[in-house]
């Protein structure tokens, strides 16, 4: 069995990864992920999860990051029009060819964002079709317990306050 290189693995999963919000993972359009370690040997590769919800959540994060990248580029151009120093062109966004003027560039970026926005909407629609997961993650259960405890403490404090009389 031949060994797959990192470049081959990236291409097999759609190429052009996006960094997760917490910057720990590179996300791919098919739901695969790779650790974002600067040390190549430490970049563990994760195939797309078999669980539909988990895979779709990764895809949602990927397409959200793509849309946000284009939105940041648009915001940088608009800020530059208002006198702010212009940020460099994002290397992951294809430069417009044969387009001149800020309005044309902004329109180019708007059109470029159309596909990621459509893909994001499709993923969100697929997520909405899935049944609500009955098993909460450990973090969600802890958060739920903490919120319930806080509500109980607040209720107890209110009862104690109401019981105080002259």
C-alpha atoms as a PDB file:
ATOM      1  CA  UNK A   1       0.000   0.000   0.000  1.00  0.00           C
ATOM      2  CA  UNK A   2       1.549   3.317  -1.026  1.00  0.00           C
ATOM      3  CA  UNK A   3       2.052   5.996   1.596  1.00  0.00           C
ATOM      4  CA  UNK A   4      -0.022   9.110   1.058  1.00  0.00           C
ATOM      5  CA  UNK A   5       1.860  12.390   1.358  1.00  0.00           C
ATOM      6  CA  UNK A   6       0.401  15.357   3.190  1.00  0.00           C
ATOM      7  CA  UNK A   7      -0.115  17.201  -0.111  1.00  0.00           C
ATOM      8  CA  UNK A   8      -1.979  14.211  -1.564  1.00  0.00           C
ATOM      9  CA  UNK A   9      -4.108  13.950   1.585  1.00  0.00           C
ATOM     10  CA  UNK A  10      -4.970  17.649   1.419  1.00  0.00           C
ATOM     11  CA  UNK A  11      -5.917  17.384  -2.262  1.00  0.00           C
ATOM     12  CA  UNK A  12      -8.060  14.293  -1.592  1.00  0.00           C
ATOM     13  CA  UNK A  13     -10.063  16.263   0.966  1.00  0.00           C
ATOM     14  CA  UNK A  14     -10.719  19.271  -1.257  1.00  0.00           C
ATOM     15  CA  UNK A  15      -7.553  21.331  -0.765  1.00  0.00           C
ATOM     16  CA  UNK A  16      -7.610  24.924   0.445  1.00  0.00           C
ATOM     17  CA  UNK A  17      -8.070  24.301   4.179  1.00  0.00           C
ATOM     18  CA  UNK A  18      -9.454  26.925   6.537  1.00  0.00           C
ATOM     19  CA  UNK A  19      -8.235  27.474  10.084  1.00  0.00           C
ATOM     20  CA  UNK A  20     -10.777  26.696  12.801  1.00  0.00           C
ATOM     21  CA  UNK A  21     -12.010  29.493  15.042  1.00  0.00           C
ATOM     22  CA  UNK A  22      -9.760  28.346  17.905  1.00  0.00           C
ATOM     23  CA  UNK A  23      -6.835  27.977  15.437  1.00  0.00           C
ATOM     24  CA  UNK A  24      -6.132  24.392  16.499  1.00  0.00           C
ATOM     25  CA  UNK A  25      -7.316  22.645  13.318  1.00  0.00           C
ATOM     26  CA  UNK A  26      -7.234  23.084   9.584  1.00  0.00           C
ATOM     27  CA  UNK A  27     -10.716  22.244   8.276  1.00  0.00           C
ATOM     28  CA  UNK A  28     -11.567  20.844   4.853  1.00  0.00           C
ATOM     29  CA  UNK A  29     -14.759  21.066   2.768  1.00  0.00           C
ATOM     30  CA  UNK A  30     -15.545  17.339   3.105  1.00  0.00           C
ATOM     31  CA  UNK A  31     -15.364  17.404   6.919  1.00  0.00           C
ATOM     32  CA  UNK A  32     -11.765  16.228   7.308  1.00  0.00           C
ATOM     33  CA  UNK A  33      -9.446  18.061   9.700  1.00  0.00           C
ATOM     34  CA  UNK A  34      -5.749  18.314  10.426  1.00  0.00           C
ATOM     35  CA  UNK A  35      -3.965  19.667  13.505  1.00  0.00           C
ATOM     36  CA  UNK A  36      -2.483  23.096  12.838  1.00  0.00           C
ATOM     37  CA  UNK A  37       0.875  22.368  14.437  1.00  0.00           C
ATOM     38  CA  UNK A  38       3.794  24.201  12.867  1.00  0.00           C
ATOM     39  CA  UNK A  39       5.789  20.988  13.177  1.00  0.00           C
ATOM     40  CA  UNK A  40       4.783  18.929  10.163  1.00  0.00           C
ATOM     41  CA  UNK A  41       5.375  15.607  11.937  1.00  0.00           C
ATOM     42  CA  UNK A  42       2.797  16.634  14.560  1.00  0.00           C
ATOM     43  CA  UNK A  43       0.064  17.360  12.032  1.00  0.00           C
ATOM     44  CA  UNK A  44      -2.351  14.563  12.741  1.00  0.00           C
ATOM     45  CA  UNK A  45      -4.872  13.989   9.983  1.00  0.00           C
ATOM     46  CA  UNK A  46      -8.491  13.209  10.758  1.00  0.00           C
ATOM     47  CA  UNK A  47     -10.739  11.683   8.112  1.00  0.00           C
ATOM     48  CA  UNK A  48     -14.303  13.053   7.921  1.00  0.00           C
ATOM     49  CA  UNK A  49     -16.343  11.681  10.831  1.00  0.00           C
ATOM     50  CA  UNK A  50     -18.853   8.919  10.106  1.00  0.00           C
ATOM     51  CA  UNK A  51     -21.378  10.732  12.309  1.00  0.00           C
ATOM     52  CA  UNK A  52     -23.412  13.044  10.061  1.00  0.00           C
ATOM     53  CA  UNK A  53     -23.823  15.737  12.699  1.00  0.00           C
ATOM     54  CA  UNK A  54     -20.098  15.893  13.489  1.00  0.00           C
ATOM     55  CA  UNK A  55     -19.167  15.947   9.790  1.00  0.00           C
ATOM     56  CA  UNK A  56     -21.713  18.654   9.014  1.00  0.00           C
ATOM     57  CA  UNK A  57     -20.556  20.767  11.976  1.00  0.00           C
ATOM     58  CA  UNK A  58     -16.996  20.687  10.605  1.00  0.00           C
ATOM     59  CA  UNK A  59     -18.273  21.554   7.136  1.00  0.00           C
ATOM     60  CA  UNK A  60     -20.326  24.399   8.601  1.00  0.00           C
ATOM     61  CA  UNK A  61     -17.237  25.765  10.362  1.00  0.00           C
ATOM     62  CA  UNK A  62     -15.253  25.448   7.110  1.00  0.00           C
ATOM     63  CA  UNK A  63     -17.766  27.348   4.958  1.00  0.00           C
ATOM     64  CA  UNK A  64     -18.313  29.941   7.693  1.00  0.00           C
ATOM     65  CA  UNK A  65     -14.558  30.577   7.761  1.00  0.00           C
ATOM     66  CA  UNK A  66     -14.524  30.938   3.961  1.00  0.00           C
ATOM     67  CA  UNK A  67     -17.322  33.510   4.029  1.00  0.00           C
ATOM     68  CA  UNK A  68     -15.665  35.381   6.916  1.00  0.00           C
ATOM     69  CA  UNK A  69     -12.336  35.485   5.055  1.00  0.00           C
ATOM     70  CA  UNK A  70     -13.976  37.210   2.089  1.00  0.00           C
ATOM     71  CA  UNK A  71     -15.948  39.512   4.404  1.00  0.00           C
ATOM     72  CA  UNK A  72     -12.697  40.568   6.150  1.00  0.00           C
ATOM     73  CA  UNK A  73     -11.141  41.361   2.774  1.00  0.00           C
ATOM     74  CA  UNK A  74     -14.166  43.464   1.842  1.00  0.00           C
ATOM     75  CA  UNK A  75     -14.046  45.268   5.200  1.00  0.00           C
ATOM     76  CA  UNK A  76     -10.335  46.008   4.674  1.00  0.00           C
ATOM     77  CA  UNK A  77     -11.028  47.554   1.287  1.00  0.00           C
ATOM     78  CA  UNK A  78     -13.896  49.635   2.659  1.00  0.00           C
ATOM     79  CA  UNK A  79     -11.734  50.800   5.565  1.00  0.00           C
ATOM     80  CA  UNK A  80      -8.968  51.753   3.116  1.00  0.00           C
ATOM     81  CA  UNK A  81     -11.490  53.855   1.200  1.00  0.00           C
ATOM     82  CA  UNK A  82     -12.134  55.709   4.460  1.00  0.00           C
ATOM     83  CA  UNK A  83      -8.429  56.412   4.986  1.00  0.00           C
ATOM     84  CA  UNK A  84      -7.310  53.404   7.024  1.00  0.00           C
ATOM     85  CA  UNK A  85      -4.129  51.633   5.946  1.00  0.00           C
ATOM     86  CA  UNK A  86      -5.033  48.825   3.557  1.00  0.00           C
ATOM     87  CA  UNK A  87      -4.326  45.305   4.659  1.00  0.00           C
ATOM     88  CA  UNK A  88      -2.493  43.046   2.251  1.00  0.00           C
ATOM     89  CA  UNK A  89      -4.566  40.962  -0.099  1.00  0.00           C
ATOM     90  CA  UNK A  90      -5.384  37.612   1.508  1.00  0.00           C
ATOM     91  CA  UNK A  91      -3.320  34.986  -0.295  1.00  0.00           C
ATOM     92  CA  UNK A  92      -6.167  32.436  -0.063  1.00  0.00           C
ATOM     93  CA  UNK A  93      -8.514  34.673  -2.063  1.00  0.00           C
ATOM     94  CA  UNK A  94      -7.900  34.677  -5.826  1.00  0.00           C
ATOM     95  CA  UNK A  95      -6.965  38.144  -7.024  1.00  0.00           C
ATOM     96  CA  UNK A  96      -9.378  39.719  -9.492  1.00  0.00           C
ATOM     97  CA  UNK A  97      -8.114  39.728 -13.051  1.00  0.00           C
ATOM     98  CA  UNK A  98      -9.013  42.618 -15.345  1.00  0.00           C
ATOM     99  CA  UNK A  99     -10.955  44.398 -12.600  1.00  0.00           C
ATOM    100  CA  UNK A 100     -10.128  47.959 -11.652  1.00  0.00           C
ATOM    101  CA  UNK A 101     -11.582  50.317  -9.113  1.00  0.00           C
ATOM    102  CA  UNK A 102     -12.779  49.640  -5.600  1.00  0.00           C
ATOM    103  CA  UNK A 103     -16.429  49.135  -6.523  1.00  0.00           C
ATOM    104  CA  UNK A 104     -15.537  46.504  -9.117  1.00  0.00           C
ATOM    105  CA  UNK A 105     -13.251  44.728  -6.624  1.00  0.00           C
ATOM    106  CA  UNK A 106     -15.974  44.748  -3.967  1.00  0.00           C
ATOM    107  CA  UNK A 107     -18.457  43.352  -6.500  1.00  0.00           C
ATOM    108  CA  UNK A 108     -15.912  40.691  -7.425  1.00  0.00           C
ATOM    109  CA  UNK A 109     -15.590  39.700  -3.757  1.00  0.00           C
ATOM    110  CA  UNK A 110     -19.374  39.683  -3.326  1.00  0.00           C
ATOM    111  CA  UNK A 111     -19.693  37.335  -6.302  1.00  0.00           C
ATOM    112  CA  UNK A 112     -16.821  35.217  -4.988  1.00  0.00           C
ATOM    113  CA  UNK A 113     -18.665  34.822  -1.665  1.00  0.00           C
ATOM    114  CA  UNK A 114     -21.818  33.545  -3.385  1.00  0.00           C
ATOM    115  CA  UNK A 115     -20.665  29.912  -3.664  1.00  0.00           C
ATOM    116  CA  UNK A 116     -19.400  29.568  -0.063  1.00  0.00           C
ATOM    117  CA  UNK A 117     -22.619  31.186   1.174  1.00  0.00           C
ATOM    118  CA  UNK A 118     -24.693  28.700  -0.861  1.00  0.00           C
ATOM    119  CA  UNK A 119     -22.639  25.771   0.436  1.00  0.00           C
ATOM    120  CA  UNK A 120     -22.998  27.074   4.007  1.00  0.00           C
ATOM    121  CA  UNK A 121     -26.772  27.352   3.590  1.00  0.00           C
ATOM    122  CA  UNK A 122     -26.915  23.795   2.195  1.00  0.00           C
ATOM    123  CA  UNK A 123     -24.919  22.417   5.130  1.00  0.00           C
ATOM    124  CA  UNK A 124     -27.115  24.298   7.612  1.00  0.00           C
ATOM    125  CA  UNK A 125     -30.223  22.892   5.896  1.00  0.00           C
ATOM    126  CA  UNK A 126     -28.812  19.356   6.164  1.00  0.00           C
ATOM    127  CA  UNK A 127     -28.036  19.943   9.844  1.00  0.00           C
ATOM    128  CA  UNK A 128     -31.578  21.164  10.444  1.00  0.00           C
ATOM    129  CA  UNK A 129     -32.962  17.930   8.943  1.00  0.00           C
ATOM    130  CA  UNK A 130     -31.056  15.748  11.397  1.00  0.00           C
ATOM    131  CA  UNK A 131     -32.884  14.621  14.526  1.00  0.00           C
ATOM    132  CA  UNK A 132     -31.885  16.434  17.668  1.00  0.00           C
ATOM    133  CA  UNK A 133     -29.109  14.478  19.287  1.00  0.00           C
ATOM    134  CA  UNK A 134     -30.397  13.041  22.554  1.00  0.00           C
ATOM    135  CA  UNK A 135     -26.942  12.485  23.987  1.00  0.00           C
ATOM    136  CA  UNK A 136     -25.416  15.725  25.116  1.00  0.00           C
ATOM    137  CA  UNK A 137     -21.681  16.140  25.048  1.00  0.00           C
ATOM    138  CA  UNK A 138     -19.842  16.232  28.351  1.00  0.00           C
ATOM    139  CA  UNK A 139     -19.273  19.958  27.974  1.00  0.00           C
ATOM    140  CA  UNK A 140     -22.950  20.624  27.275  1.00  0.00           C
ATOM    141  CA  UNK A 141     -23.964  18.547  30.326  1.00  0.00           C
ATOM    142  CA  UNK A 142     -21.502  20.418  32.561  1.00  0.00           C
ATOM    143  CA  UNK A 143     -22.752  23.744  31.257  1.00  0.00           C
ATOM    144  CA  UNK A 144     -26.358  22.701  31.801  1.00  0.00           C
ATOM    145  CA  UNK A 145     -25.578  21.615  35.388  1.00  0.00           C
ATOM    146  CA  UNK A 146     -23.666  24.834  36.104  1.00  0.00           C
ATOM    147  CA  UNK A 147     -26.522  26.968  34.788  1.00  0.00           C
ATOM    148  CA  UNK A 148     -29.049  24.988  36.828  1.00  0.00           C
ATOM    149  CA  UNK A 149     -26.878  25.347  39.951  1.00  0.00           C
ATOM    150  CA  UNK A 150     -26.591  29.098  39.374  1.00  0.00           C
ATOM    151  CA  UNK A 151     -30.364  29.378  38.922  1.00  0.00           C
ATOM    152  CA  UNK A 152     -30.944  27.398  42.137  1.00  0.00           C
ATOM    153  CA  UNK A 153     -28.507  29.610  44.059  1.00  0.00           C
ATOM    154  CA  UNK A 154     -30.244  32.729  42.758  1.00  0.00           C
ATOM    155  CA  UNK A 155     -33.644  31.305  43.734  1.00  0.00           C
ATOM    156  CA  UNK A 156     -32.339  30.414  47.220  1.00  0.00           C
ATOM    157  CA  UNK A 157     -30.926  33.898  47.680  1.00  0.00           C
ATOM    158  CA  UNK A 158     -34.240  35.406  46.624  1.00  0.00           C
ATOM    159  CA  UNK A 159     -36.129  33.189  49.083  1.00  0.00           C
ATOM    160  CA  UNK A 160     -33.746  34.148  51.894  1.00  0.00           C
ATOM    161  CA  UNK A 161     -34.103  37.818  51.034  1.00  0.00           C
ATOM    162  CA  UNK A 162     -37.893  37.545  50.993  1.00  0.00           C
ATOM    163  CA  UNK A 163     -37.854  35.744  54.365  1.00  0.00           C
ATOM    164  CA  UNK A 164     -36.049  38.626  56.083  1.00  0.00           C
ATOM    165  CA  UNK A 165     -38.551  40.645  58.101  1.00  0.00           C
ATOM    166  CA  UNK A 166     -38.474  43.407  60.646  1.00  0.00           C
END
